[in-house]
Protein backbone atom coordinates (compact mmCIF):
# COMPACT_ATOMS: atom_id res chain seq x y z
CA MET A 1 55.11 4.16 -67.41
CA LYS A 2 55.42 7.24 -65.22
CA ASN A 3 53.35 9.23 -67.72
CA LYS A 4 50.61 6.64 -67.49
CA SER A 5 50.64 6.72 -63.69
CA TYR A 6 50.40 10.45 -63.64
CA ALA A 7 47.53 10.19 -66.09
CA TYR A 8 45.55 7.78 -63.83
CA ILE A 9 46.04 10.05 -60.79
CA LEU A 10 44.94 13.05 -62.81
CA VAL A 11 41.79 11.29 -63.92
CA ALA A 12 40.99 10.18 -60.38
CA ILE A 13 41.30 13.81 -59.10
CA ILE A 14 39.10 15.12 -61.85
CA MET A 15 36.39 12.46 -61.11
CA PHE A 16 36.46 13.26 -57.40
CA PHE A 17 35.92 16.95 -57.99
CA CYS A 18 33.23 16.27 -60.55
CA GLY A 19 31.35 14.14 -57.96
CA CYS A 20 31.58 16.89 -55.45
CA GLY A 21 30.26 19.35 -57.95
CA VAL A 22 27.30 17.09 -58.75
CA MET A 23 26.45 16.70 -55.06
CA TYR A 24 26.71 20.52 -54.60
CA GLY A 25 24.40 21.09 -57.47
CA LEU A 26 21.84 18.62 -56.03
CA VAL A 27 21.84 20.38 -52.72
CA GLN A 28 21.53 23.82 -54.35
CA TYR A 29 18.85 23.00 -56.94
CA PHE A 30 16.93 20.16 -55.31
CA PRO A 31 16.86 20.81 -51.55
CA LEU A 32 13.18 19.97 -51.00
CA ALA A 33 13.54 16.40 -52.22
CA ILE A 34 16.20 15.68 -49.63
CA THR A 35 14.57 17.55 -46.78
CA GLN A 36 11.23 15.89 -47.51
CA ASN A 37 12.77 12.43 -47.40
CA VAL A 38 14.32 13.14 -43.97
CA THR A 39 11.15 14.72 -42.58
CA LYS A 40 9.05 11.73 -43.84
CA LEU A 41 11.28 9.29 -42.02
CA GLU A 42 10.88 11.10 -38.74
CA LYS A 43 7.13 11.34 -39.19
CA ASP A 44 6.89 7.57 -39.74
CA VAL A 45 8.66 6.86 -36.43
CA THR A 46 6.22 9.16 -34.59
CA VAL A 47 3.08 7.79 -36.16
CA THR A 48 3.84 4.20 -35.27
CA ASP A 49 3.91 5.07 -31.53
CA THR A 50 0.18 4.66 -30.93
CA GLY A 51 0.53 4.01 -27.22
CA ILE A 52 -1.75 1.40 -25.62
CA ALA A 53 -5.12 2.64 -26.87
CA ASP A 54 -5.97 -0.71 -28.51
CA ALA A 55 -5.15 -2.59 -25.31
CA VAL A 56 -7.19 -0.18 -23.14
CA GLU A 57 -10.25 -0.65 -25.43
CA LYS A 58 -10.16 -4.46 -24.80
CA VAL A 59 -10.84 -4.02 -21.07
CA TYR A 60 -12.33 -0.52 -20.74
CA ASP A 61 -16.08 -1.48 -20.88
CA ALA A 62 -15.57 -4.41 -18.56
CA VAL A 63 -14.58 -2.03 -15.73
CA SER A 64 -17.12 -0.76 -13.31
CA VAL A 65 -17.42 1.80 -10.51
CA VAL A 66 -18.32 -0.05 -7.34
CA THR A 67 -20.31 1.80 -4.64
CA THR A 68 -20.91 0.27 -1.18
CA TYR A 69 -23.90 1.20 0.96
CA LYS A 70 -24.80 0.65 4.58
CA ASN A 71 -28.43 1.37 5.51
CA ASP A 72 -28.78 3.05 2.10
CA GLN A 73 -25.94 5.47 2.89
CA ALA A 74 -22.89 5.31 0.55
CA ILE A 75 -19.86 4.48 2.71
CA ALA A 76 -17.13 3.49 0.12
CA SER A 77 -16.40 3.36 -3.55
CA GLY A 78 -13.84 1.58 -5.66
CA THR A 79 -13.45 -0.29 -8.87
CA GLY A 80 -14.23 -3.78 -10.20
CA PHE A 81 -14.28 -5.62 -13.45
CA ILE A 82 -16.26 -8.43 -15.11
CA TYR A 83 -14.07 -11.54 -15.28
CA GLN A 84 -16.58 -14.24 -16.06
CA LYS A 85 -20.03 -14.86 -17.53
CA ASP A 86 -22.35 -17.81 -17.09
CA LYS A 87 -25.41 -17.65 -19.25
CA ASN A 88 -27.08 -14.38 -18.19
CA VAL A 89 -25.04 -14.01 -14.99
CA TYR A 90 -22.00 -11.79 -14.86
CA TYR A 91 -19.29 -12.03 -12.18
CA ILE A 92 -17.19 -9.12 -11.01
CA LEU A 93 -13.91 -9.21 -9.07
CA THR A 94 -13.07 -6.45 -6.66
CA ASN A 95 -11.28 -5.96 -3.32
CA TYR A 96 -12.79 -7.01 -0.05
CA HIS A 97 -11.92 -3.66 1.51
CA VAL A 98 -14.05 -1.95 -1.12
CA ILE A 99 -17.29 -3.67 0.10
CA GLU A 100 -16.22 -4.18 3.71
CA SER A 101 -19.08 -3.40 6.22
CA GLY A 102 -21.63 -2.79 3.49
CA ASN A 103 -25.00 -4.51 3.00
CA LYS A 104 -25.65 -3.30 -0.53
CA VAL A 105 -23.29 -2.87 -3.48
CA THR A 106 -23.99 -1.27 -6.85
CA VAL A 107 -21.89 -1.13 -10.02
CA MET A 108 -21.89 1.32 -12.84
CA PHE A 109 -20.43 0.66 -16.27
CA THR A 110 -19.44 2.95 -19.14
CA ASN A 111 -23.09 3.04 -20.29
CA LYS A 112 -23.88 4.81 -17.00
CA GLU A 113 -26.42 2.23 -15.98
CA ILE A 114 -26.40 1.46 -12.21
CA ILE A 115 -27.05 -2.16 -11.24
CA GLU A 116 -27.45 -3.59 -7.79
CA THR A 117 -25.38 -6.72 -7.29
CA LYS A 118 -25.37 -9.78 -5.13
CA ILE A 119 -22.26 -10.31 -2.83
CA VAL A 120 -21.33 -13.80 -3.65
CA GLY A 121 -18.65 -13.92 -1.03
CA TYR A 122 -15.23 -12.64 -0.03
CA ASN A 123 -11.91 -13.50 1.67
CA LYS A 124 -10.75 -10.59 3.75
CA TYR A 125 -7.23 -11.83 4.23
CA ALA A 126 -6.76 -12.30 0.43
CA ASP A 127 -8.62 -8.94 -0.04
CA ILE A 128 -10.80 -10.51 -2.78
CA ALA A 129 -14.59 -10.25 -3.19
CA VAL A 130 -16.92 -11.58 -5.87
CA LEU A 131 -20.11 -9.75 -6.96
CA ALA A 132 -22.76 -11.00 -9.44
CA PHE A 133 -25.66 -9.57 -11.34
CA GLU A 134 -28.01 -10.95 -13.95
CA SER A 135 -28.75 -9.29 -17.32
CA LYS A 136 -29.83 -10.17 -20.82
CA ASP A 137 -27.75 -7.20 -22.09
CA ASP A 138 -24.26 -7.84 -23.59
CA TYR A 139 -21.57 -6.61 -21.27
CA ALA A 140 -17.85 -6.79 -21.98
CA VAL A 141 -15.83 -9.48 -20.19
CA ALA A 142 -12.14 -8.78 -19.39
CA SER A 143 -9.50 -11.00 -20.97
CA LEU A 144 -7.28 -12.59 -18.25
CA GLY A 145 -3.53 -13.04 -18.66
CA LYS A 146 -0.86 -14.57 -16.50
CA SER A 147 1.29 -12.51 -14.09
CA ALA A 148 3.72 -15.43 -14.05
CA ASP A 149 4.57 -14.64 -17.73
CA ALA A 150 5.15 -10.92 -17.07
CA ARG A 151 8.64 -9.59 -16.89
CA ILE A 152 10.13 -6.75 -14.91
CA GLY A 153 10.00 -3.62 -17.21
CA ASP A 154 6.85 -4.74 -19.09
CA THR A 155 4.28 -2.11 -19.76
CA THR A 156 1.37 -2.10 -17.37
CA PHE A 157 -1.74 0.07 -17.16
CA ALA A 158 -4.56 0.44 -14.57
CA VAL A 159 -8.16 1.43 -15.16
CA GLY A 160 -10.10 2.78 -12.21
CA ALA A 161 -12.16 5.46 -10.50
CA PRO A 162 -9.73 7.56 -8.47
CA LEU A 163 -11.11 9.97 -5.92
CA ASP A 164 -14.72 9.82 -6.97
CA ASN A 165 -17.06 9.08 -9.96
CA GLU A 166 -16.14 12.31 -11.67
CA TYR A 167 -12.82 10.64 -12.70
CA SER A 168 -14.18 7.24 -13.45
CA TRP A 169 -12.40 5.02 -15.99
CA THR A 170 -9.15 6.89 -15.61
CA VAL A 171 -6.29 5.06 -17.36
CA THR A 172 -2.72 5.28 -15.98
CA ARG A 173 0.35 3.73 -17.51
CA GLY A 174 3.66 2.49 -16.04
CA ILE A 175 5.83 -0.58 -15.99
CA LEU A 176 6.01 -3.71 -13.87
CA SER A 177 8.44 -2.62 -11.21
CA GLY A 178 8.60 -5.83 -9.20
CA LYS A 179 7.17 -9.37 -8.63
CA ASP A 180 6.55 -11.47 -5.53
CA ARG A 181 6.72 -8.43 -3.27
CA MET A 182 5.80 -9.37 0.34
CA VAL A 183 3.72 -6.44 1.64
CA GLU A 184 2.49 -6.35 5.27
CA VAL A 185 -1.08 -4.98 5.56
CA SER A 186 -3.57 -4.30 8.33
CA ILE A 187 -6.94 -5.95 8.41
CA ASP A 188 -9.99 -4.42 10.06
CA ASN A 189 -8.03 -1.21 10.90
CA ALA A 190 -5.62 -3.11 13.06
CA ILE A 191 -2.80 -0.92 14.46
CA SER A 192 -0.12 -3.36 13.46
CA SER A 193 0.34 -5.43 10.26
CA ASP A 194 -1.50 -8.71 10.64
CA TYR A 195 -1.32 -10.20 7.19
CA VAL A 196 1.11 -10.46 4.28
CA MET A 197 0.17 -10.18 0.61
CA LYS A 198 2.36 -11.39 -2.28
CA ALA A 199 1.93 -8.70 -4.76
CA LEU A 200 2.97 -7.24 -8.12
CA GLN A 201 4.63 -3.76 -7.97
CA THR A 202 3.96 -1.06 -10.54
CA ASP A 203 4.65 2.57 -10.92
CA ALA A 204 1.34 3.22 -12.77
CA ALA A 205 -0.37 5.89 -10.74
CA ILE A 206 -2.66 4.33 -8.11
CA ASN A 207 -5.12 6.50 -6.16
CA ALA A 208 -7.97 6.10 -3.64
CA GLY A 209 -10.86 4.56 -5.64
CA ASN A 210 -8.57 2.45 -7.93
CA SER A 211 -8.85 -0.44 -5.47
CA GLY A 212 -10.35 -3.57 -7.10
CA GLY A 213 -9.66 -2.45 -10.67
CA PRO A 214 -7.59 -4.29 -13.26
CA LEU A 215 -3.86 -4.05 -13.70
CA CYS A 216 -3.25 -4.99 -17.34
CA ASN A 217 -0.36 -5.89 -19.66
CA SER A 218 0.19 -4.26 -23.07
CA ASN A 219 -2.11 -6.84 -24.67
CA GLY A 220 -5.00 -5.62 -22.51
CA GLU A 221 -5.09 -8.77 -20.47
CA VAL A 222 -5.66 -8.54 -16.66
CA ILE A 223 -2.59 -9.72 -14.72
CA GLY A 224 -3.55 -8.31 -11.34
CA ILE A 225 -6.09 -6.55 -9.15
CA THR A 226 -5.07 -3.20 -7.86
CA SER A 227 -5.08 -3.20 -4.11
CA LEU A 228 -2.92 -0.72 -2.44
CA LYS A 229 -0.05 1.85 -2.56
CA LEU A 230 2.58 2.92 -0.21
CA VAL A 231 1.93 6.39 1.22
CA SER A 232 4.89 7.98 2.97
CA ASP A 233 7.28 10.91 2.77
CA GLY A 234 9.89 10.11 0.21
CA VAL A 235 7.86 7.25 -1.41
CA GLU A 236 6.45 7.83 -4.85
CA GLY A 237 5.21 5.52 -7.58
CA MET A 238 4.86 2.31 -5.57
CA GLY A 239 1.51 0.68 -6.20
CA PHE A 240 0.71 -3.02 -5.65
CA ALA A 241 -1.70 -5.48 -7.19
CA ILE A 242 -2.85 -8.97 -6.26
CA PRO A 243 -1.62 -11.42 -9.01
CA ILE A 244 -4.54 -12.65 -11.04
CA GLU A 245 -3.68 -16.30 -10.33
CA ILE A 246 -4.03 -15.68 -6.56
CA ALA A 247 -7.27 -13.75 -7.15
CA LEU A 248 -8.75 -16.51 -9.28
CA THR A 249 -7.81 -19.26 -6.78
CA ASN A 250 -9.63 -17.28 -4.08
CA ALA A 251 -12.54 -16.55 -6.41
CA GLU A 252 -12.99 -20.29 -7.10
CA LYS A 253 -13.25 -20.98 -3.35
CA ILE A 254 -15.67 -18.13 -2.98
CA MET A 255 -17.92 -19.52 -5.82
CA ALA A 256 -17.78 -22.93 -4.21
CA GLY A 257 -18.96 -21.51 -0.82
CA LYS A 258 -15.55 -22.08 0.89
CA SER A 259 -14.42 -18.48 1.18
CA ASN A 260 -14.64 -18.43 4.99
CA GLU A 261 -13.06 -21.89 5.42
CA THR A 262 -9.50 -21.41 6.39
CA PRO A 263 -7.08 -23.66 8.27
CA TYR A 264 -6.49 -22.69 11.85
CA LEU A 265 -4.21 -23.77 14.72
CA GLY A 266 -6.50 -22.86 17.66
CA ILE A 267 -4.19 -20.45 19.56
CA GLN A 268 -4.18 -17.01 20.93
CA MET A 269 -0.88 -15.26 20.01
CA VAL A 270 1.23 -12.12 20.24
CA ASN A 271 4.32 -10.93 18.30
CA LEU A 272 7.67 -11.55 19.93
CA ALA A 273 8.37 -7.87 20.45
CA ASN A 274 5.27 -7.71 22.74
CA ALA A 275 5.92 -11.03 24.37
CA TYR A 276 9.33 -10.00 25.70
CA TYR A 277 7.68 -7.86 28.35
CA SER A 278 5.74 -10.83 29.72
CA SER A 279 7.28 -13.07 32.35
CA MET A 280 5.55 -16.05 30.61
CA PHE A 281 8.04 -15.63 27.59
CA ARG A 282 11.00 -13.68 28.76
CA ASP A 283 13.17 -16.56 30.03
CA ASN A 284 12.42 -18.61 26.85
CA ILE A 285 13.34 -15.71 24.54
CA ILE A 286 16.57 -14.97 26.38
CA ALA A 287 17.58 -18.64 26.52
CA ALA A 288 16.94 -19.24 22.84
CA ASP A 289 18.31 -15.79 21.86
CA LEU A 290 15.24 -15.10 19.73
CA THR A 291 14.59 -11.95 17.67
CA ASN A 292 11.59 -13.13 15.62
CA GLY A 293 8.64 -15.40 16.21
CA VAL A 294 5.09 -15.69 17.50
CA ALA A 295 4.38 -16.37 21.16
CA ILE A 296 1.40 -18.46 22.14
CA THR A 297 -0.64 -16.97 25.07
CA SER A 298 -3.27 -19.72 25.12
CA VAL A 299 -4.38 -22.87 23.38
CA GLU A 300 -7.99 -23.98 22.67
CA GLU A 301 -8.90 -27.36 24.16
CA ASN A 302 -9.06 -30.16 21.43
CA SER A 303 -7.86 -27.74 18.76
CA PRO A 304 -5.14 -28.80 16.21
CA ALA A 305 -2.50 -27.02 18.27
CA ASP A 306 -3.66 -28.76 21.44
CA LYS A 307 -3.64 -32.19 19.79
CA GLY A 308 -0.23 -31.46 18.30
CA GLY A 309 1.23 -30.75 21.73
CA LEU A 310 1.69 -26.95 21.61
CA LYS A 311 1.22 -25.10 24.88
CA ALA A 312 0.94 -21.51 26.18
CA GLY A 313 4.47 -20.06 26.52
CA ASP A 314 5.79 -21.72 23.36
CA ILE A 315 7.24 -19.53 20.65
CA ILE A 316 6.59 -20.51 17.01
CA VAL A 317 9.49 -19.87 14.57
CA LYS A 318 8.62 -22.06 11.53
CA ILE A 319 5.74 -23.75 9.70
CA ASN A 320 7.31 -26.52 7.71
CA ASP A 321 10.37 -24.82 6.07
CA GLU A 322 9.02 -21.24 6.21
CA GLU A 323 10.30 -18.76 8.73
CA ILE A 324 7.76 -17.15 10.97
CA SER A 325 8.86 -13.68 11.88
CA ASN A 326 5.50 -12.42 13.21
CA ILE A 327 1.67 -12.95 13.19
CA ALA A 328 1.31 -11.55 9.67
CA TYR A 329 3.77 -14.14 8.24
CA LEU A 330 2.20 -16.94 10.36
CA ARG A 331 -1.16 -16.29 8.80
CA TYR A 332 0.20 -15.94 5.25
CA ASN A 333 2.03 -19.29 5.43
CA LEU A 334 -0.75 -21.08 7.32
CA TYR A 335 -3.37 -20.06 4.73
CA ASN A 336 -1.23 -21.53 1.91
CA TYR A 337 -2.26 -24.93 3.24
CA GLU A 338 -5.58 -26.82 2.95
CA VAL A 339 -7.81 -28.04 5.66
CA GLY A 340 -6.80 -31.65 6.50
CA GLU A 341 -3.11 -31.22 5.72
CA THR A 342 -0.52 -31.90 8.35
CA VAL A 343 2.20 -29.26 8.97
CA THR A 344 5.39 -29.34 11.03
CA VAL A 345 5.45 -26.53 13.53
CA SER A 346 8.91 -25.62 14.96
CA PHE A 347 8.85 -23.82 18.32
CA TYR A 348 10.99 -23.07 21.35
CA ARG A 349 10.08 -24.22 24.85
CA ASP A 350 12.37 -23.53 27.77
CA GLY A 351 14.94 -22.30 25.31
CA LYS A 352 15.05 -25.53 23.36
CA LEU A 353 13.88 -26.06 19.73
CA LYS A 354 11.17 -28.63 19.35
CA THR A 355 8.74 -29.69 16.57
CA ALA A 356 4.98 -30.71 16.54
CA GLN A 357 2.93 -32.33 13.82
CA VAL A 358 -0.35 -30.48 13.55
CA LYS A 359 -3.20 -31.64 11.43
CA LEU A 360 -5.05 -28.53 10.32
CA LYS A 361 -8.87 -28.17 10.80
CA SER A 362 -11.25 -25.64 9.38
CA ASN A 363 -11.96 -22.48 11.38
CA GLN A 364 -15.67 -23.42 10.87
CA GLU A 365 -15.30 -26.78 12.59
CA THR A 366 -16.14 -27.01 16.22
CA SER A 367 -14.07 -28.96 18.69
């Protein structure tokens, strides 16, 4: 029995060394076969990474350079894109601040043709404008996606005209860095922030001239409109875009001729920080121990605020359940409601919290 066991062990050892010898021979005499197989595997991995070229092609020709003129002098430029077509009429979305103060707007597409457009309308607080032009030619229309479906970390890319026309249709790539960012912005060159935008955040490079262009997902669908970037020491790669759903909601109002119809309270107001230095508000602020809010300096006669019982000297701290920290947030929350709706305004008077029911009117209605 012992002899048989030794025999099995000896056979196993011989087979092991024979196998090693065979492998050594393969490496020595057929090295190219093995090396080529490894190299081919690495090459396949590299070739399959084609980037987002296909996605870019879907939207590229729908993007235009937008140039704004006043008295035939170019005063601003930005980007826009065709988002809708009705028979021979094409509609372009861009930012309000791109066409602000102009009386003539032209667009240029990748075919280099310059077309004068009609300004259909705009909403300056939403920073949305709609342009239109008529043509029998076939222009590309961008595919629209849903920012609500996008996830943090998804690939995004922007197409625009940074700096000037020399760099038109520049494509920059990044990721979706954040959603529902509340960004305070200034309107009409105001010194302080006077409106809040709910925005998408991306680290795709955004430069002057990109404004109004599309922010797209990896399928080439527009999920936002590039609007602004943070510029400050120590800040890099923080660009923002208006979610496409918000842009389309405002575009529908513009198309319906309701772009300038917004709900209003009928008050003059200042931020709490400024109100503290006025004797009209100081006692109220101290008694209520307030750090945020909007102070009413005057109330229009027969306005919604007047009919709701608000008075000069009151300090607004809520609209319905939304906290009001300053004028920017008051406007943002107020404009989320429709004309005719009734809201509950919470305010302090003589240091005591009170509420008023205010039925909103249009800013175009006269008292």
